[in-house]
C-alpha cells in the first residue's frame, strides 16, 4: 500500500484531496497529535485501514477501511 501513497505524492496529490471527510480519519487526527481522540476512536476496533494500518471502531474514521 505504500506504493499507492507514493504514487499520489508523486502526482502532487494528498489523501485529503481524494476524499472530503479526511478530517474524520485517524491518520489526520494523529497528525494533529490529538491522541485522546485517537484512543477513543480506536477503542473496540472493528475496521483496519489498508493504507496506514490504523484500526478504528467505525469505518468512517479510516481512509480505506476493511472489516476485521
N, C-alpha and C. Protein backbone atom coordinates (compact mmCIF):
# COMPACT_ATOMS: atom_id res chain seq x y z
N UNK A 1 0.80 -1.20 0.00
CA UNK A 1 0.00 0.00 0.00
C UNK A 1 0.85 1.27 0.00
N UNK A 2 2.09 1.17 0.43
CA UNK A 2 2.96 2.34 0.42
C UNK A 2 3.12 2.86 -1.00
N UNK A 3 3.18 1.95 -1.97
CA UNK A 3 3.31 2.35 -3.37
C UNK A 3 2.18 3.28 -3.77
N UNK A 4 0.96 2.97 -3.33
CA UNK A 4 -0.20 3.79 -3.66
C UNK A 4 -0.01 5.21 -3.14
N UNK A 5 0.44 5.35 -1.90
CA UNK A 5 0.65 6.68 -1.34
C UNK A 5 1.78 7.40 -2.07
N UNK A 6 2.86 6.68 -2.40
CA UNK A 6 3.97 7.28 -3.14
C UNK A 6 3.51 7.78 -4.50
N UNK A 7 2.64 7.02 -5.16
CA UNK A 7 2.11 7.45 -6.46
C UNK A 7 1.31 8.74 -6.31
N UNK A 8 0.53 8.84 -5.25
CA UNK A 8 -0.26 10.06 -5.02
C UNK A 8 0.65 11.25 -4.79
N UNK A 9 1.67 11.05 -3.96
CA UNK A 9 2.60 12.14 -3.66
C UNK A 9 3.34 12.57 -4.93
N UNK A 10 3.77 11.59 -5.73
CA UNK A 10 4.46 11.90 -6.98
C UNK A 10 3.57 12.70 -7.92
N UNK A 11 2.26 12.47 -7.85
CA UNK A 11 1.32 13.18 -8.71
C UNK A 11 0.94 14.54 -8.11
N UNK A 12 1.49 14.86 -6.94
CA UNK A 12 1.18 16.13 -6.29
C UNK A 12 -0.13 16.12 -5.54
N UNK A 13 -0.64 14.93 -5.24
CA UNK A 13 -1.91 14.80 -4.53
C UNK A 13 -1.66 14.27 -3.13
N UNK A 14 -2.54 14.63 -2.23
CA UNK A 14 -2.54 14.10 -0.88
C UNK A 14 -3.83 13.29 -0.72
N UNK A 15 -3.86 12.39 0.27
CA UNK A 15 -5.08 11.63 0.52
C UNK A 15 -6.27 12.54 0.76
N UNK A 16 -6.04 13.66 1.43
CA UNK A 16 -7.14 14.59 1.73
C UNK A 16 -7.74 15.18 0.46
N UNK A 17 -6.99 15.19 -0.64
CA UNK A 17 -7.51 15.69 -1.91
C UNK A 17 -8.52 14.72 -2.52
N UNK A 18 -8.43 13.46 -2.13
CA UNK A 18 -9.24 12.43 -2.76
C UNK A 18 -10.53 12.11 -2.03
N UNK A 19 -10.64 12.47 -0.78
CA UNK A 19 -11.88 12.23 -0.05
C UNK A 19 -12.13 13.38 0.93
N UNK A 20 -13.28 14.02 0.79
CA UNK A 20 -13.57 15.25 1.54
C UNK A 20 -13.69 15.11 3.05
N UNK A 21 -13.95 13.92 3.57
CA UNK A 21 -14.11 13.76 5.02
C UNK A 21 -12.82 13.35 5.70
N UNK A 22 -11.69 13.67 5.11
CA UNK A 22 -10.40 13.24 5.65
C UNK A 22 -10.16 13.75 7.07
N UNK A 23 -10.77 14.86 7.44
CA UNK A 23 -10.58 15.39 8.80
C UNK A 23 -11.15 14.46 9.87
N UNK A 24 -11.98 13.48 9.48
CA UNK A 24 -12.54 12.50 10.42
C UNK A 24 -11.67 11.25 10.52
N UNK A 25 -10.65 11.14 9.68
CA UNK A 25 -9.84 9.93 9.62
C UNK A 25 -8.71 9.95 10.65
N UNK A 26 -8.42 8.76 11.18
CA UNK A 26 -7.39 8.64 12.21
C UNK A 26 -6.03 9.14 11.76
N UNK A 27 -5.69 8.97 10.49
CA UNK A 27 -4.37 9.46 10.04
C UNK A 27 -4.29 10.97 10.18
N UNK A 28 -5.37 11.67 9.88
CA UNK A 28 -5.38 13.13 10.01
C UNK A 28 -5.37 13.54 11.49
N UNK A 29 -6.21 12.89 12.28
CA UNK A 29 -6.31 13.22 13.71
C UNK A 29 -4.98 12.94 14.41
N UNK A 30 -4.30 11.85 14.02
CA UNK A 30 -2.98 11.54 14.58
C UNK A 30 -1.97 12.62 14.21
N UNK A 31 -2.03 13.11 12.98
CA UNK A 31 -1.08 14.15 12.55
C UNK A 31 -1.26 15.43 13.34
N UNK A 32 -2.45 15.63 13.90
CA UNK A 32 -2.72 16.79 14.76
C UNK A 32 -2.30 16.54 16.20
N UNK A 33 -1.85 15.31 16.48
CA UNK A 33 -1.42 14.89 17.82
C UNK A 33 -2.56 14.94 18.84
N UNK A 34 -3.77 14.66 18.39
CA UNK A 34 -4.93 14.62 19.28
C UNK A 34 -5.12 13.17 19.73
N UNK A 35 -4.23 12.71 20.59
CA UNK A 35 -4.18 11.31 20.95
C UNK A 35 -5.36 10.85 21.80
N UNK A 36 -5.97 11.74 22.54
CA UNK A 36 -7.16 11.37 23.32
C UNK A 36 -8.28 10.95 22.36
N UNK A 37 -8.46 11.70 21.29
CA UNK A 37 -9.47 11.37 20.29
C UNK A 37 -9.10 10.09 19.55
N UNK A 38 -7.83 9.93 19.21
CA UNK A 38 -7.37 8.72 18.54
C UNK A 38 -7.69 7.50 19.39
N UNK A 39 -7.41 7.58 20.67
CA UNK A 39 -7.70 6.48 21.58
C UNK A 39 -9.18 6.14 21.63
N UNK A 40 -10.01 7.15 21.71
CA UNK A 40 -11.46 6.94 21.77
C UNK A 40 -11.99 6.31 20.48
N UNK A 41 -11.49 6.76 19.34
CA UNK A 41 -11.96 6.24 18.05
C UNK A 41 -11.43 4.84 17.76
N UNK A 42 -10.32 4.47 18.40
CA UNK A 42 -9.70 3.17 18.16
C UNK A 42 -10.21 2.09 19.10
N UNK A 43 -10.81 2.48 20.20
CA UNK A 43 -11.29 1.52 21.20
C UNK A 43 -12.31 0.57 20.57
N UNK A 44 -12.16 -0.72 20.86
CA UNK A 44 -13.04 -1.76 20.32
C UNK A 44 -13.06 -1.74 18.79
N UNK A 45 -11.90 -1.64 18.20
CA UNK A 45 -11.77 -1.53 16.74
C UNK A 45 -12.45 -2.68 16.00
N UNK A 46 -13.14 -2.32 14.93
CA UNK A 46 -13.81 -3.28 14.05
C UNK A 46 -13.28 -3.22 12.62
N UNK A 47 -12.50 -2.16 12.32
CA UNK A 47 -12.00 -1.94 10.96
C UNK A 47 -10.51 -1.63 10.98
N UNK A 48 -9.83 -1.98 9.90
CA UNK A 48 -8.41 -1.71 9.73
C UNK A 48 -8.23 -0.95 8.43
N UNK A 49 -7.41 0.09 8.43
CA UNK A 49 -7.13 0.85 7.21
C UNK A 49 -6.06 0.10 6.41
N UNK A 50 -6.36 -0.20 5.15
CA UNK A 50 -5.40 -0.92 4.32
C UNK A 50 -4.29 -0.01 3.81
N UNK A 51 -4.40 1.30 4.02
CA UNK A 51 -3.36 2.25 3.61
C UNK A 51 -2.32 2.41 4.71
N UNK A 52 -2.78 2.70 5.94
CA UNK A 52 -1.83 3.04 7.01
C UNK A 52 -1.77 2.01 8.14
N UNK A 53 -2.73 1.07 8.19
CA UNK A 53 -2.71 0.04 9.22
C UNK A 53 -3.37 0.44 10.53
N UNK A 54 -3.92 1.64 10.61
CA UNK A 54 -4.60 2.05 11.83
C UNK A 54 -5.92 1.29 11.95
N UNK A 55 -6.39 1.15 13.19
CA UNK A 55 -7.64 0.44 13.46
C UNK A 55 -8.62 1.39 14.12
N UNK A 56 -9.91 1.23 13.80
CA UNK A 56 -10.95 2.10 14.35
C UNK A 56 -12.24 1.32 14.57
N UNK A 57 -13.06 1.83 15.46
CA UNK A 57 -14.35 1.22 15.74
C UNK A 57 -15.29 1.37 14.54
N UNK A 58 -15.22 2.53 13.85
CA UNK A 58 -16.13 2.81 12.73
C UNK A 58 -15.33 3.01 11.44
N UNK A 59 -15.87 2.53 10.35
CA UNK A 59 -15.22 2.64 9.04
C UNK A 59 -15.03 4.09 8.62
N UNK A 60 -15.92 4.97 9.04
CA UNK A 60 -15.86 6.38 8.63
C UNK A 60 -14.58 7.06 9.10
N UNK A 61 -13.90 6.48 10.07
CA UNK A 61 -12.68 7.09 10.62
C UNK A 61 -11.40 6.58 9.96
N UNK A 62 -11.53 5.90 8.82
CA UNK A 62 -10.37 5.39 8.10
C UNK A 62 -10.47 5.73 6.62
N UNK A 63 -9.33 5.87 5.97
CA UNK A 63 -9.30 6.20 4.53
C UNK A 63 -9.79 5.04 3.67
N UNK A 64 -9.26 3.85 3.92
CA UNK A 64 -9.59 2.65 3.15
C UNK A 64 -9.89 1.51 4.13
N UNK A 65 -11.09 1.51 4.74
CA UNK A 65 -11.39 0.52 5.78
C UNK A 65 -11.65 -0.88 5.24
N UNK A 66 -11.24 -1.87 6.03
CA UNK A 66 -11.54 -3.27 5.78
C UNK A 66 -12.02 -3.86 7.11
N UNK A 67 -13.11 -4.61 7.08
CA UNK A 67 -13.67 -5.21 8.29
C UNK A 67 -12.67 -6.22 8.86
N UNK A 68 -12.45 -6.16 10.17
CA UNK A 68 -11.55 -7.13 10.82
C UNK A 68 -12.24 -8.47 10.97
